[in-house]
Amino acid sequence: MRNILLAATAAIIAASLAACDSQGPVEQAAAKRDVATAGGVVTLNGTVEFPAEKDRAVLLALRVDGVRSVVNNLVVIRGS
């Protein structure tokens, strides 16, 4: 049951990030993210185009029930 909840939490966060992307298909291909969860800690890895997307990812993750903290390893690859 615990593994199912962890997978569901990761899926919810990943879906939230994808739904909030305001990018076109080319830019979406450049933004690659991985979401992992363990014990209420979400770890975000990958790339985003702008610093605001990196910040937004943390806020979205923290909105998910059961998430206590977020490790944000996302790297901004273009914008400033």
C-alpha atoms as a PDB file:
ATOM      1  CA  MET A   1       0.000   0.000   0.000  1.00  0.00           C
ATOM      2  CA  ARG A   2       2.826   2.409   0.866  1.00  0.00           C
ATOM      3  CA  ASN A   3       4.458   1.929  -2.551  1.00  0.00           C
ATOM      4  CA  ILE A   4       1.147   2.682  -4.228  1.00  0.00           C
ATOM      5  CA  LEU A   5       0.815   5.934  -2.252  1.00  0.00           C
ATOM      6  CA  LEU A   6       4.379   6.959  -3.119  1.00  0.00           C
ATOM      7  CA  ALA A   7       3.783   6.255  -6.800  1.00  0.00           C
ATOM      8  CA  ALA A   8       0.488   8.130  -6.710  1.00  0.00           C
ATOM      9  CA  THR A   9       2.118  11.144  -5.038  1.00  0.00           C
ATOM     10  CA  ALA A  10       4.861  11.228  -7.678  1.00  0.00           C
ATOM     11  CA  ALA A  11       2.280  10.880 -10.460  1.00  0.00           C
ATOM     12  CA  ILE A  12       0.146  13.724  -9.063  1.00  0.00           C
ATOM     13  CA  ILE A  13       3.148  16.038  -8.877  1.00  0.00           C
ATOM     14  CA  ALA A  14       4.374  15.098 -12.355  1.00  0.00           C
ATOM     15  CA  ALA A  15       0.896  15.644 -13.797  1.00  0.00           C
ATOM     16  CA  SER A  16       0.589  18.999 -12.045  1.00  0.00           C
ATOM     17  CA  LEU A  17       3.914  20.131 -13.475  1.00  0.00           C
ATOM     18  CA  ALA A  18       2.951  19.029 -16.966  1.00  0.00           C
ATOM     19  CA  ALA A  19      -0.458  20.713 -16.741  1.00  0.00           C
ATOM     20  CA  CYS A  20       1.101  24.022 -15.725  1.00  0.00           C
ATOM     21  CA  ASP A  21       3.588  24.108 -18.596  1.00  0.00           C
ATOM     22  CA  SER A  22       2.803  27.055 -20.825  1.00  0.00           C
ATOM     23  CA  GLN A  23       5.406  25.983 -23.333  1.00  0.00           C
ATOM     24  CA  GLY A  24       5.048  24.755 -26.870  1.00  0.00           C
ATOM     25  CA  PRO A  25       6.081  21.251 -28.008  1.00  0.00           C
ATOM     26  CA  VAL A  26       9.693  22.218 -28.754  1.00  0.00           C
ATOM     27  CA  GLU A  27      10.262  23.798 -25.358  1.00  0.00           C
ATOM     28  CA  GLN A  28       8.503  20.942 -23.580  1.00  0.00           C
ATOM     29  CA  ALA A  29      10.991  18.518 -25.098  1.00  0.00           C
ATOM     30  CA  ALA A  30      13.820  20.506 -23.496  1.00  0.00           C
ATOM     31  CA  ALA A  31      12.189  20.448 -20.060  1.00  0.00           C
ATOM     32  CA  LYS A  32      12.754  16.983 -18.620  1.00  0.00           C
ATOM     33  CA  ARG A  33      11.778  16.249 -15.043  1.00  0.00           C
ATOM     34  CA  ASP A  34      11.806  13.288 -12.727  1.00  0.00           C
ATOM     35  CA  VAL A  35       9.804  13.147  -9.506  1.00  0.00           C
ATOM     36  CA  ALA A  36      10.677  10.731  -6.702  1.00  0.00           C
ATOM     37  CA  THR A  37       9.059  10.395  -3.286  1.00  0.00           C
ATOM     38  CA  ALA A  38      10.169   8.768  -0.056  1.00  0.00           C
ATOM     39  CA  GLY A  39       8.786   9.279   3.436  1.00  0.00           C
ATOM     40  CA  GLY A  40       7.018  12.526   2.607  1.00  0.00           C
ATOM     41  CA  VAL A  41      10.093  13.980   0.894  1.00  0.00           C
ATOM     42  CA  VAL A  42       9.777  14.778  -2.806  1.00  0.00           C
ATOM     43  CA  THR A  43      12.933  14.994  -4.911  1.00  0.00           C
ATOM     44  CA  LEU A  44      12.751  16.888  -8.188  1.00  0.00           C
ATOM     45  CA  ASN A  45      15.454  16.233 -10.805  1.00  0.00           C
ATOM     46  CA  GLY A  46      15.819  17.391 -14.365  1.00  0.00           C
ATOM     47  CA  THR A  47      15.717  20.623 -16.315  1.00  0.00           C
ATOM     48  CA  VAL A  48      13.385  23.574 -16.729  1.00  0.00           C
ATOM     49  CA  GLU A  49      13.543  26.620 -18.998  1.00  0.00           C
ATOM     50  CA  PHE A  50      13.037  29.397 -16.443  1.00  0.00           C
ATOM     51  CA  PRO A  51      13.709  30.013 -12.728  1.00  0.00           C
ATOM     52  CA  ALA A  52       9.984  30.589 -12.145  1.00  0.00           C
ATOM     53  CA  GLU A  53       9.285  27.023 -13.285  1.00  0.00           C
ATOM     54  CA  LYS A  54      11.776  25.701 -10.745  1.00  0.00           C
ATOM     55  CA  ASP A  55      10.048  27.659  -7.972  1.00  0.00           C
ATOM     56  CA  ARG A  56       6.573  26.650  -9.178  1.00  0.00           C
ATOM     57  CA  ALA A  57       7.548  22.971  -9.081  1.00  0.00           C
ATOM     58  CA  VAL A  58       8.287  23.226  -5.355  1.00  0.00           C
ATOM     59  CA  LEU A  59       4.996  24.982  -4.651  1.00  0.00           C
ATOM     60  CA  LEU A  60       3.051  22.360  -6.593  1.00  0.00           C
ATOM     61  CA  ALA A  61       4.787  19.524  -4.783  1.00  0.00           C
ATOM     62  CA  LEU A  62       4.080  21.074  -1.378  1.00  0.00           C
ATOM     63  CA  ARG A  63       0.359  21.251  -2.203  1.00  0.00           C
ATOM     64  CA  VAL A  64       0.125  17.468  -2.408  1.00  0.00           C
ATOM     65  CA  ASP A  65      -1.238  15.841   0.728  1.00  0.00           C
ATOM     66  CA  GLY A  66       1.475  14.045   2.695  1.00  0.00           C
ATOM     67  CA  VAL A  67       4.431  15.973   1.265  1.00  0.00           C
ATOM     68  CA  ARG A  68       6.565  17.370   4.097  1.00  0.00           C
ATOM     69  CA  SER A  69       9.526  18.749   2.173  1.00  0.00           C
ATOM     70  CA  VAL A  70      10.968  19.101  -1.313  1.00  0.00           C
ATOM     71  CA  VAL A  71      14.530  18.639  -2.526  1.00  0.00           C
ATOM     72  CA  ASN A  72      14.738  20.745  -5.670  1.00  0.00           C
ATOM     73  CA  ASN A  73      17.557  19.570  -7.955  1.00  0.00           C
ATOM     74  CA  LEU A  74      16.000  21.125 -11.059  1.00  0.00           C
ATOM     75  CA  VAL A  75      18.456  22.971 -13.295  1.00  0.00           C
ATOM     76  CA  VAL A  76      17.499  26.061 -15.305  1.00  0.00           C
ATOM     77  CA  ILE A  77      18.810  25.632 -18.847  1.00  0.00           C
ATOM     78  CA  ARG A  78      17.844  28.908 -20.581  1.00  0.00           C
ATOM     79  CA  GLY A  79      16.030  31.812 -18.942  1.00  0.00           C
ATOM     80  CA  SER A  80      17.173  34.168 -16.288  1.00  0.00           C
END
